[in-house]
C-alpha atoms as a PDB file:
ATOM      1  CA  UNK A   1     -61.046  63.500 -46.089  1.00  0.00           C
ATOM      2  CA  UNK A   2     -60.734  61.488 -49.354  1.00  0.00           C
ATOM      3  CA  UNK A   3     -61.817  58.521 -50.277  1.00  0.00           C
ATOM      4  CA  UNK A   4     -59.959  55.518 -48.835  1.00  0.00           C
ATOM      5  CA  UNK A   5     -59.034  52.030 -50.570  1.00  0.00           C
ATOM      6  CA  UNK A   6     -58.164  50.338 -47.259  1.00  0.00           C
ATOM      7  CA  UNK A   7     -61.326  48.364 -47.191  1.00  0.00           C
ATOM      8  CA  UNK A   8     -64.419  47.530 -49.232  1.00  0.00           C
ATOM      9  CA  UNK A   9     -65.809  50.177 -51.407  1.00  0.00           C
ATOM     10  CA  UNK A  10     -69.553  50.378 -51.472  1.00  0.00           C
ATOM     11  CA  UNK A  11     -71.509  49.998 -55.334  1.00  0.00           C
ATOM     12  CA  UNK A  12     -75.088  49.434 -54.442  1.00  0.00           C
ATOM     13  CA  UNK A  13     -77.274  47.864 -52.197  1.00  0.00           C
ATOM     14  CA  UNK A  14     -75.542  44.775 -50.938  1.00  0.00           C
ATOM     15  CA  UNK A  15     -72.663  44.893 -53.034  1.00  0.00           C
ATOM     16  CA  UNK A  16     -68.973  46.101 -52.737  1.00  0.00           C
ATOM     17  CA  UNK A  17     -65.766  46.032 -54.861  1.00  0.00           C
ATOM     18  CA  UNK A  18     -63.110  43.717 -53.981  1.00  0.00           C
ATOM     19  CA  UNK A  19     -60.184  46.344 -52.803  1.00  0.00           C
ATOM     20  CA  UNK A  20     -58.098  44.035 -54.951  1.00  0.00           C
ATOM     21  CA  UNK A  21     -59.535  42.809 -58.059  1.00  0.00           C
ATOM     22  CA  UNK A  22     -62.222  45.796 -57.861  1.00  0.00           C
ATOM     23  CA  UNK A  23     -65.007  42.983 -58.822  1.00  0.00           C
ATOM     24  CA  UNK A  24     -68.244  43.201 -57.192  1.00  0.00           C
ATOM     25  CA  UNK A  25     -69.036  40.838 -54.516  1.00  0.00           C
ATOM     26  CA  UNK A  26     -72.095  40.417 -52.089  1.00  0.00           C
ATOM     27  CA  UNK A  27     -72.018  41.445 -48.507  1.00  0.00           C
ATOM     28  CA  UNK A  28     -74.267  39.248 -46.541  1.00  0.00           C
ATOM     29  CA  UNK A  29     -75.410  38.879 -42.940  1.00  0.00           C
ATOM     30  CA  UNK A  30     -74.456  35.571 -41.160  1.00  0.00           C
ATOM     31  CA  UNK A  31     -76.557  34.007 -38.363  1.00  0.00           C
ATOM     32  CA  UNK A  32     -73.409  35.360 -36.059  1.00  0.00           C
ATOM     33  CA  UNK A  33     -74.490  38.994 -36.497  1.00  0.00           C
ATOM     34  CA  UNK A  34     -71.341  39.532 -38.642  1.00  0.00           C
ATOM     35  CA  UNK A  35     -70.925  39.908 -42.425  1.00  0.00           C
ATOM     36  CA  UNK A  36     -69.195  37.763 -45.084  1.00  0.00           C
ATOM     37  CA  UNK A  37     -68.448  39.017 -48.591  1.00  0.00           C
ATOM     38  CA  UNK A  38     -69.375  36.124 -51.170  1.00  0.00           C
ATOM     39  CA  UNK A  39     -69.052  35.752 -54.800  1.00  0.00           C
ATOM     40  CA  UNK A  40     -72.281  37.055 -56.412  1.00  0.00           C
ATOM     41  CA  UNK A  41     -74.187  34.938 -58.682  1.00  0.00           C
ATOM     42  CA  UNK A  42     -72.334  31.751 -57.961  1.00  0.00           C
ATOM     43  CA  UNK A  43     -73.293  28.748 -56.396  1.00  0.00           C
ATOM     44  CA  UNK A  44     -71.538  25.288 -56.226  1.00  0.00           C
ATOM     45  CA  UNK A  45     -72.683  21.574 -55.316  1.00  0.00           C
ATOM     46  CA  UNK A  46     -71.595  21.579 -51.495  1.00  0.00           C
ATOM     47  CA  UNK A  47     -69.719  18.577 -51.631  1.00  0.00           C
ATOM     48  CA  UNK A  48     -67.182  20.381 -54.082  1.00  0.00           C
ATOM     49  CA  UNK A  49     -66.243  22.854 -51.025  1.00  0.00           C
ATOM     50  CA  UNK A  50     -64.521  22.175 -48.002  1.00  0.00           C
ATOM     51  CA  UNK A  51     -66.869  22.280 -44.968  1.00  0.00           C
ATOM     52  CA  UNK A  52     -65.696  24.954 -43.359  1.00  0.00           C
ATOM     53  CA  UNK A  53     -66.111  27.346 -46.766  1.00  0.00           C
ATOM     54  CA  UNK A  54     -69.667  26.223 -47.791  1.00  0.00           C
ATOM     55  CA  UNK A  55     -71.963  29.259 -46.747  1.00  0.00           C
ATOM     56  CA  UNK A  56     -75.707  28.310 -47.168  1.00  0.00           C
ATOM     57  CA  UNK A  57     -78.479  30.653 -47.728  1.00  0.00           C
ATOM     58  CA  UNK A  58     -81.223  30.617 -45.532  1.00  0.00           C
ATOM     59  CA  UNK A  59     -84.883  31.867 -45.994  1.00  0.00           C
ATOM     60  CA  UNK A  60     -84.190  35.246 -44.018  1.00  0.00           C
ATOM     61  CA  UNK A  61     -81.445  36.374 -46.536  1.00  0.00           C
ATOM     62  CA  UNK A  62     -78.645  35.328 -43.970  1.00  0.00           C
ATOM     63  CA  UNK A  63     -75.913  32.680 -44.238  1.00  0.00           C
ATOM     64  CA  UNK A  64     -74.266  30.374 -42.349  1.00  0.00           C
ATOM     65  CA  UNK A  65     -71.472  27.584 -42.482  1.00  0.00           C
ATOM     66  CA  UNK A  66     -72.737  24.644 -43.757  1.00  0.00           C
ATOM     67  CA  UNK A  67     -70.357  22.083 -41.890  1.00  0.00           C
ATOM     68  CA  UNK A  68     -72.197  18.648 -42.637  1.00  0.00           C
ATOM     69  CA  UNK A  69     -70.096  15.807 -43.795  1.00  0.00           C
ATOM     70  CA  UNK A  70     -70.924  14.431 -46.140  1.00  0.00           C
ATOM     71  CA  UNK A  71     -73.330  16.946 -47.597  1.00  0.00           C
ATOM     72  CA  UNK A  72     -76.478  16.167 -49.405  1.00  0.00           C
ATOM     73  CA  UNK A  73     -75.375  15.307 -53.203  1.00  0.00           C
ATOM     74  CA  UNK A  74     -77.876  17.853 -54.667  1.00  0.00           C
ATOM     75  CA  UNK A  75     -77.111  20.531 -51.638  1.00  0.00           C
ATOM     76  CA  UNK A  76     -75.599  23.930 -53.083  1.00  0.00           C
ATOM     77  CA  UNK A  77     -73.697  26.623 -51.458  1.00  0.00           C
ATOM     78  CA  UNK A  78     -72.348  29.964 -52.124  1.00  0.00           C
ATOM     79  CA  UNK A  79     -68.148  30.481 -51.668  1.00  0.00           C
ATOM     80  CA  UNK A  80     -66.204  33.599 -50.244  1.00  0.00           C
ATOM     81  CA  UNK A  81     -64.944  36.228 -52.907  1.00  0.00           C
ATOM     82  CA  UNK A  82     -61.458  35.357 -51.411  1.00  0.00           C
ATOM     83  CA  UNK A  83     -61.489  32.156 -52.720  1.00  0.00           C
ATOM     84  CA  UNK A  84     -62.650  33.213 -56.121  1.00  0.00           C
ATOM     85  CA  UNK A  85     -60.210  36.473 -56.158  1.00  0.00           C
ATOM     86  CA  UNK A  86     -57.509  36.128 -58.513  1.00  0.00           C
ATOM     87  CA  UNK A  87     -55.747  38.990 -56.913  1.00  0.00           C
ATOM     88  CA  UNK A  88     -55.441  36.996 -53.427  1.00  0.00           C
ATOM     89  CA  UNK A  89     -53.727  34.019 -52.765  1.00  0.00           C
ATOM     90  CA  UNK A  90     -55.816  30.948 -52.371  1.00  0.00           C
ATOM     91  CA  UNK A  91     -55.996  29.401 -48.664  1.00  0.00           C
ATOM     92  CA  UNK A  92     -54.807  25.826 -47.513  1.00  0.00           C
ATOM     93  CA  UNK A  93     -57.925  23.949 -48.261  1.00  0.00           C
ATOM     94  CA  UNK A  94     -56.496  20.604 -47.472  1.00  0.00           C
ATOM     95  CA  UNK A  95     -53.430  20.747 -45.094  1.00  0.00           C
ATOM     96  CA  UNK A  96     -52.913  17.031 -45.721  1.00  0.00           C
ATOM     97  CA  UNK A  97     -52.505  17.358 -49.518  1.00  0.00           C
ATOM     98  CA  UNK A  98     -50.661  20.519 -49.333  1.00  0.00           C
ATOM     99  CA  UNK A  99     -47.966  18.468 -47.322  1.00  0.00           C
ATOM    100  CA  UNK A 100     -48.133  15.549 -49.730  1.00  0.00           C
ATOM    101  CA  UNK A 101     -47.536  18.054 -52.565  1.00  0.00           C
ATOM    102  CA  UNK A 102     -44.612  19.429 -50.828  1.00  0.00           C
ATOM    103  CA  UNK A 103     -42.982  16.066 -50.040  1.00  0.00           C
ATOM    104  CA  UNK A 104     -43.372  15.041 -53.535  1.00  0.00           C
ATOM    105  CA  UNK A 105     -41.894  18.031 -54.627  1.00  0.00           C
ATOM    106  CA  UNK A 106     -39.111  17.191 -52.697  1.00  0.00           C
ATOM    107  CA  UNK A 107     -38.815  13.739 -54.048  1.00  0.00           C
ATOM    108  CA  UNK A 108     -39.105  15.055 -57.768  1.00  0.00           C
ATOM    109  CA  UNK A 109     -35.988  17.435 -56.759  1.00  0.00           C
ATOM    110  CA  UNK A 110     -33.840  14.421 -55.179  1.00  0.00           C
ATOM    111  CA  UNK A 111     -34.777  12.487 -58.310  1.00  0.00           C
ATOM    112  CA  UNK A 112     -33.622  15.108 -60.771  1.00  0.00           C
ATOM    113  CA  UNK A 113     -30.381  15.987 -59.006  1.00  0.00           C
ATOM    114  CA  UNK A 114     -26.980  14.608 -59.694  1.00  0.00           C
ATOM    115  CA  UNK A 115     -26.940  10.672 -59.656  1.00  0.00           C
ATOM    116  CA  UNK A 116     -24.833   9.281 -57.110  1.00  0.00           C
ATOM    117  CA  UNK A 117     -21.639   7.996 -57.755  1.00  0.00           C
ATOM    118  CA  UNK A 118     -21.103   4.229 -58.670  1.00  0.00           C
ATOM    119  CA  UNK A 119     -19.102   2.009 -56.462  1.00  0.00           C
ATOM    120  CA  UNK A 120     -15.682   0.624 -58.401  1.00  0.00           C
ATOM    121  CA  UNK A 121     -16.390  -2.469 -60.387  1.00  0.00           C
ATOM    122  CA  UNK A 122     -13.180  -3.862 -58.818  1.00  0.00           C
ATOM    123  CA  UNK A 123     -12.743  -3.253 -55.263  1.00  0.00           C
ATOM    124  CA  UNK A 124      -9.027  -3.289 -54.081  1.00  0.00           C
ATOM    125  CA  UNK A 125      -7.554  -5.510 -51.881  1.00  0.00           C
ATOM    126  CA  UNK A 126      -8.110  -5.085 -48.204  1.00  0.00           C
ATOM    127  CA  UNK A 127      -6.015  -7.556 -46.860  1.00  0.00           C
END
């Protein structure tokens, strides 16, 4: 059996290579006895990240999602590598904003289309 590129590749203790971009990412245990792959060395102010994407490091090394809204202005969090990976599509973090952007794109397309024909300056005698 040979090496497979189907999943993360082991680099060193706690780090894996992303199967898409090949950059290292941290594999960290969660409170739910699961694992999450986080962007290494990056902490972001929590209020800049949507609640369901804020990973807070606990004292025992595990992480958990920090869904407090609004977060403390000085609170920092980590983000999943998939949000920073250049080879993966960015998830729809704010569905209402995506819907607004789509509607604005349609409105712009309607404006750039051909102008409707103008009515005649003199109307025919209809009776």
